[in-house]
Amino acid sequence: IEPCLPIPHVLVLPLLSAWVVGSDIAQGSVACGSWQYWAVTLSVLLPVAAILLTFRQVLLRKYRHDSLPPGAALPEGQLQWTPTTTLLYPLLCSSAGLVAGLFGIGGGVVKGPLMLELGVSPDVAAATSATMILFTAASACVVYSRFGQILADYGAVLVAFGFCTTLVSQLLTFVLIKLIGRRSVIVFMMVTLMSSACAIMFVQSGLMTRELVLNPSELSHFGRLCPKDSQGLGHLLQQLLRQIQ
């Protein structure tokens, strides 16, 4: 596969993220729980559907895999784009993103192995999932800030630490791949990451279950959809600036 960066395609992602930010800002001007609130919240689905249908047509016109004879071999790492797969693959990725958002795990933990299973080469799967994480995590940060569930000082430290460690790890991975000459190193790292994440989640869920058994009254406790003090992205930025000063 020829290395390239499709700039017009990538620019769609920040535009979609900007829509999410605009939706979050608009939520602050309407009553939480009202039909206007849900209209603003669900308005994000409109550009998502438009992007999906647009790129579906682009892929079908570019590759025309549905016209290939049965059993025809595709280049290594290239997906087979047909009228069915152009709907199935986005559905699978959306489901992975939904699971990642619900349980607070990184989307790459789900999407990376998913892309490998679909036949994407390891380096392309790692790079693509990392690119998706950048925008999905930013969107999730905007949504969580609306409910005041982000600690700005902790977040700033973790972002700086994560950026540095990711940069160093990526450089070491490139060196290791050149020395060994095998891209399977990326697959091994994904398996290690998933195994570690699953083990940590298993321990955490066990501890939480233990707390619920000891305190059964917590089972009837539910959080509020509409927080008393709705904060949002602007409040989070102000809090972060105060911490810096």
Protein backbone atom coordinates (compact mmCIF):
# COMPACT_ATOMS: atom_id res chain seq x y z
CA ILE A 1 0.00 0.00 0.00
CA GLU A 2 1.43 3.36 -1.00
CA PRO A 3 1.98 5.64 2.03
CA CYS A 4 -0.23 8.70 1.89
CA LEU A 5 -2.16 11.09 4.09
CA PRO A 6 -5.58 11.93 2.63
CA ILE A 7 -5.78 15.48 3.95
CA PRO A 8 -9.37 16.18 2.74
CA HIS A 9 -10.59 13.01 4.44
CA VAL A 10 -8.75 13.74 7.68
CA LEU A 11 -10.13 17.30 7.81
CA VAL A 12 -13.61 15.84 8.20
CA LEU A 13 -12.69 14.62 11.70
CA PRO A 14 -11.93 18.05 13.25
CA LEU A 15 -15.07 19.44 11.59
CA LEU A 16 -17.11 16.71 13.23
CA SER A 17 -15.39 17.41 16.55
CA ALA A 18 -16.23 21.09 16.14
CA TRP A 19 -19.88 20.12 15.72
CA VAL A 20 -19.69 18.21 19.03
CA VAL A 21 -18.19 21.27 20.75
CA GLY A 22 -20.89 23.48 19.25
CA SER A 23 -23.54 21.05 20.47
CA ASP A 24 -22.09 21.15 23.97
CA ILE A 25 -22.12 24.94 24.00
CA ALA A 26 -25.70 25.00 22.73
CA GLN A 27 -26.79 22.61 25.49
CA GLY A 28 -25.91 25.27 28.04
CA SER A 29 -28.54 27.63 26.61
CA VAL A 30 -31.51 25.24 26.86
CA ALA A 31 -33.20 23.48 29.77
CA CYS A 32 -31.67 20.08 30.47
CA GLY A 33 -34.12 17.27 29.72
CA SER A 34 -36.32 19.37 27.43
CA TRP A 35 -37.01 18.46 23.82
CA GLN A 36 -34.68 21.26 22.75
CA TYR A 37 -31.93 19.68 24.83
CA TRP A 38 -32.37 16.30 23.17
CA ALA A 39 -32.64 17.90 19.73
CA VAL A 40 -29.29 19.62 20.24
CA THR A 41 -27.73 16.46 21.68
CA LEU A 42 -28.94 14.18 18.87
CA SER A 43 -28.07 16.73 16.18
CA VAL A 44 -24.58 15.18 16.15
CA LEU A 45 -26.09 12.18 14.35
CA LEU A 46 -26.87 14.32 11.29
CA PRO A 47 -23.25 14.99 10.21
CA VAL A 48 -22.30 11.43 11.17
CA ALA A 49 -24.95 10.02 8.83
CA ALA A 50 -24.01 12.48 6.08
CA ILE A 51 -20.30 11.56 6.33
CA LEU A 52 -21.10 7.85 6.37
CA LEU A 53 -23.25 7.99 3.24
CA THR A 54 -20.83 10.30 1.41
CA PHE A 55 -17.74 8.20 2.04
CA ARG A 56 -19.69 5.05 1.28
CA GLN A 57 -20.27 6.31 -2.23
CA VAL A 58 -16.63 7.42 -2.52
CA LEU A 59 -15.37 3.96 -1.56
CA LEU A 60 -17.77 2.15 -3.88
CA ARG A 61 -16.81 4.33 -6.85
CA LYS A 62 -13.08 4.15 -6.13
CA TYR A 63 -12.62 0.42 -5.58
CA ARG A 64 -15.61 -1.32 -7.25
CA HIS A 65 -14.83 -4.53 -5.35
CA ASP A 66 -18.36 -5.78 -5.89
CA SER A 67 -17.50 -6.33 -9.55
CA LEU A 68 -14.46 -8.53 -8.82
CA PRO A 69 -14.72 -12.23 -9.67
CA PRO A 70 -15.19 -14.64 -6.74
CA GLY A 71 -11.91 -15.51 -5.04
CA ALA A 72 -10.02 -12.55 -6.49
CA ALA A 73 -7.03 -11.58 -4.32
CA LEU A 74 -6.76 -8.04 -2.98
CA PRO A 75 -3.53 -6.22 -2.09
CA GLU A 76 -2.21 -6.97 1.38
CA GLY A 77 -4.02 -5.04 4.07
CA GLN A 78 -6.75 -3.68 1.80
CA LEU A 79 -10.35 -4.19 2.82
CA GLN A 80 -12.98 -5.40 0.43
CA TRP A 81 -15.45 -2.56 -0.06
CA THR A 82 -18.88 -3.69 -1.19
CA PRO A 83 -22.38 -2.29 -0.62
CA THR A 84 -22.60 -4.57 2.44
CA THR A 85 -19.18 -3.95 3.99
CA THR A 86 -19.45 -0.15 3.58
CA LEU A 87 -22.35 -0.33 6.03
CA LEU A 88 -21.12 -3.22 8.20
CA TYR A 89 -17.64 -1.88 9.00
CA PRO A 90 -18.84 1.57 10.16
CA LEU A 91 -21.49 -0.19 12.25
CA LEU A 92 -18.83 -2.34 13.92
CA CYS A 93 -16.60 0.68 14.58
CA SER A 94 -19.55 2.64 15.96
CA SER A 95 -20.38 -0.24 18.29
CA ALA A 96 -16.75 -0.34 19.43
CA GLY A 97 -16.82 3.40 20.09
CA LEU A 98 -20.07 3.04 22.02
CA VAL A 99 -18.58 0.34 24.23
CA ALA A 100 -15.44 2.43 24.75
CA GLY A 101 -17.52 5.45 25.78
CA LEU A 102 -19.79 3.50 28.12
CA PHE A 103 -17.04 1.74 30.03
CA GLY A 104 -14.35 4.41 29.85
CA ILE A 105 -11.80 2.28 28.01
CA GLY A 106 -9.68 3.51 25.14
CA GLY A 107 -11.32 3.12 21.76
CA GLY A 108 -8.07 1.76 20.34
CA VAL A 109 -8.26 -1.21 22.69
CA VAL A 110 -11.39 -2.26 20.81
CA LYS A 111 -10.87 -0.82 17.33
CA GLY A 112 -7.25 -1.94 16.90
CA PRO A 113 -7.98 -5.69 17.24
CA LEU A 114 -11.19 -5.20 15.28
CA MET A 115 -9.27 -3.78 12.32
CA LEU A 116 -6.75 -6.61 12.54
CA GLU A 117 -9.60 -9.11 12.39
CA LEU A 118 -10.96 -7.35 9.31
CA GLY A 119 -7.63 -7.85 7.55
CA VAL A 120 -5.92 -4.48 7.98
CA SER A 121 -2.12 -4.64 8.29
CA PRO A 122 -0.83 -4.10 11.86
CA ASP A 123 0.92 -0.76 11.29
CA VAL A 124 -2.06 0.70 9.44
CA ALA A 125 -4.43 -0.57 12.15
CA ALA A 126 -2.30 1.00 14.90
CA ALA A 127 -1.99 4.35 13.12
CA THR A 128 -5.68 4.49 12.18
CA SER A 129 -6.92 3.58 15.66
CA ALA A 130 -4.57 6.15 17.22
CA THR A 131 -5.93 8.84 14.87
CA MET A 132 -9.50 7.92 15.78
CA ILE A 133 -8.68 8.01 19.49
CA LEU A 134 -7.49 11.61 19.21
CA PHE A 135 -10.89 12.82 18.06
CA THR A 136 -13.13 10.39 19.95
CA ALA A 137 -11.32 11.14 23.23
CA ALA A 138 -11.61 14.89 22.59
CA SER A 139 -15.34 14.53 21.93
CA ALA A 140 -15.80 12.43 25.07
CA CYS A 141 -13.90 15.05 27.07
CA VAL A 142 -16.34 17.72 25.90
CA VAL A 143 -19.34 15.61 26.90
CA TYR A 144 -17.94 14.66 30.32
CA SER A 145 -17.10 18.30 31.02
CA ARG A 146 -20.79 19.11 30.72
CA PHE A 147 -21.44 16.93 33.78
CA GLY A 148 -18.45 18.23 35.73
CA GLN A 149 -16.73 14.84 35.81
CA ILE A 150 -13.25 15.98 34.76
CA LEU A 151 -10.50 17.04 37.16
CA ALA A 152 -8.59 19.66 35.20
CA ASP A 153 -5.34 19.45 37.19
CA TYR A 154 -5.18 15.65 37.03
CA GLY A 155 -6.13 15.73 33.36
CA ALA A 156 -3.38 18.19 32.46
CA VAL A 157 -0.73 16.05 34.16
CA LEU A 158 -1.98 12.84 32.56
CA VAL A 159 -2.13 14.42 29.09
CA ALA A 160 1.46 15.64 29.37
CA PHE A 161 2.66 12.29 30.72
CA GLY A 162 0.71 10.34 28.11
CA PHE A 163 2.05 12.49 25.27
CA CYS A 164 5.66 11.99 26.29
CA THR A 165 5.38 8.26 26.91
CA THR A 166 3.48 7.71 23.67
CA LEU A 167 6.12 9.59 21.69
CA VAL A 168 8.96 7.59 23.24
CA SER A 169 7.09 4.29 22.81
CA GLN A 170 6.36 5.04 19.17
CA LEU A 171 10.01 5.77 18.42
CA LEU A 172 11.09 2.59 20.20
CA THR A 173 8.53 0.61 18.22
CA PHE A 174 9.90 1.91 14.92
CA VAL A 175 13.44 0.98 15.98
CA LEU A 176 12.33 -2.48 17.11
CA ILE A 177 10.49 -3.16 13.85
CA LYS A 178 13.58 -2.19 11.84
CA LEU A 179 15.81 -4.44 13.94
CA ILE A 180 13.53 -7.47 13.84
CA GLY A 181 12.08 -6.85 10.40
CA ARG A 182 8.58 -7.96 11.41
CA ARG A 183 5.46 -5.90 11.83
CA SER A 184 4.00 -8.56 14.11
CA VAL A 185 5.61 -6.63 16.98
CA ILE A 186 2.62 -4.28 16.81
CA VAL A 187 0.21 -7.20 17.13
CA PHE A 188 2.11 -8.46 20.18
CA MET A 189 1.90 -5.01 21.77
CA MET A 190 -1.83 -4.83 21.09
CA VAL A 191 -2.36 -8.22 22.71
CA THR A 192 -0.29 -7.17 25.72
CA LEU A 193 -2.25 -3.93 26.04
CA MET A 194 -5.61 -5.66 25.77
CA SER A 195 -4.62 -8.35 28.26
CA SER A 196 -3.41 -5.76 30.77
CA ALA A 197 -6.53 -3.63 30.31
CA CYS A 198 -8.84 -6.63 30.72
CA ALA A 199 -6.97 -7.76 33.85
CA ILE A 200 -7.22 -4.29 35.42
CA MET A 201 -10.91 -4.02 34.53
CA PHE A 202 -11.52 -7.48 36.02
CA VAL A 203 -9.88 -6.48 39.29
CA GLN A 204 -11.71 -3.16 39.39
CA SER A 205 -15.09 -4.76 38.69
CA GLY A 206 -14.39 -7.31 41.43
CA LEU A 207 -13.67 -4.56 43.95
CA MET A 208 -16.78 -2.64 42.92
CA THR A 209 -18.91 -5.79 43.21
CA ARG A 210 -17.50 -6.38 46.68
CA GLU A 211 -18.46 -2.85 47.72
CA LEU A 212 -21.99 -3.37 46.41
CA VAL A 213 -22.33 -6.64 48.32
CA LEU A 214 -21.20 -4.93 51.53
CA ASN A 215 -23.45 -1.91 50.86
CA PRO A 216 -26.57 -3.18 49.03
CA SER A 217 -28.28 0.19 49.40
CA GLU A 218 -25.95 1.55 46.70
CA LEU A 219 -27.75 -0.62 44.15
CA SER A 220 -30.76 1.70 44.29
CA HIS A 221 -28.66 4.83 43.85
CA PHE A 222 -28.79 6.46 40.43
CA GLY A 223 -27.01 9.50 39.14
CA ARG A 224 -28.68 12.59 37.70
CA LEU A 225 -29.06 13.07 33.96
CA CYS A 226 -29.16 16.81 34.51
CA PRO A 227 -26.56 17.94 37.06
CA LYS A 228 -27.50 20.72 39.43
CA ASP A 229 -24.53 22.80 38.32
CA SER A 230 -24.02 22.17 34.61
CA GLN A 231 -20.49 23.24 33.83
CA GLY A 232 -19.43 22.48 30.30
CA LEU A 233 -16.30 23.02 28.28
CA GLY A 234 -15.95 26.72 29.11
CA HIS A 235 -15.88 26.03 32.86
CA LEU A 236 -13.29 23.29 32.35
CA LEU A 237 -10.99 25.64 30.40
CA GLN A 238 -11.33 28.35 33.05
CA GLN A 239 -10.47 25.84 35.77
CA LEU A 240 -7.43 24.67 33.83
CA LEU A 241 -6.21 28.25 33.30
CA ARG A 242 -6.52 28.93 37.02
CA GLN A 243 -4.42 25.86 37.76
CA ILE A 244 -1.73 27.04 35.31
CA GLN A 245 -1.65 30.52 36.81
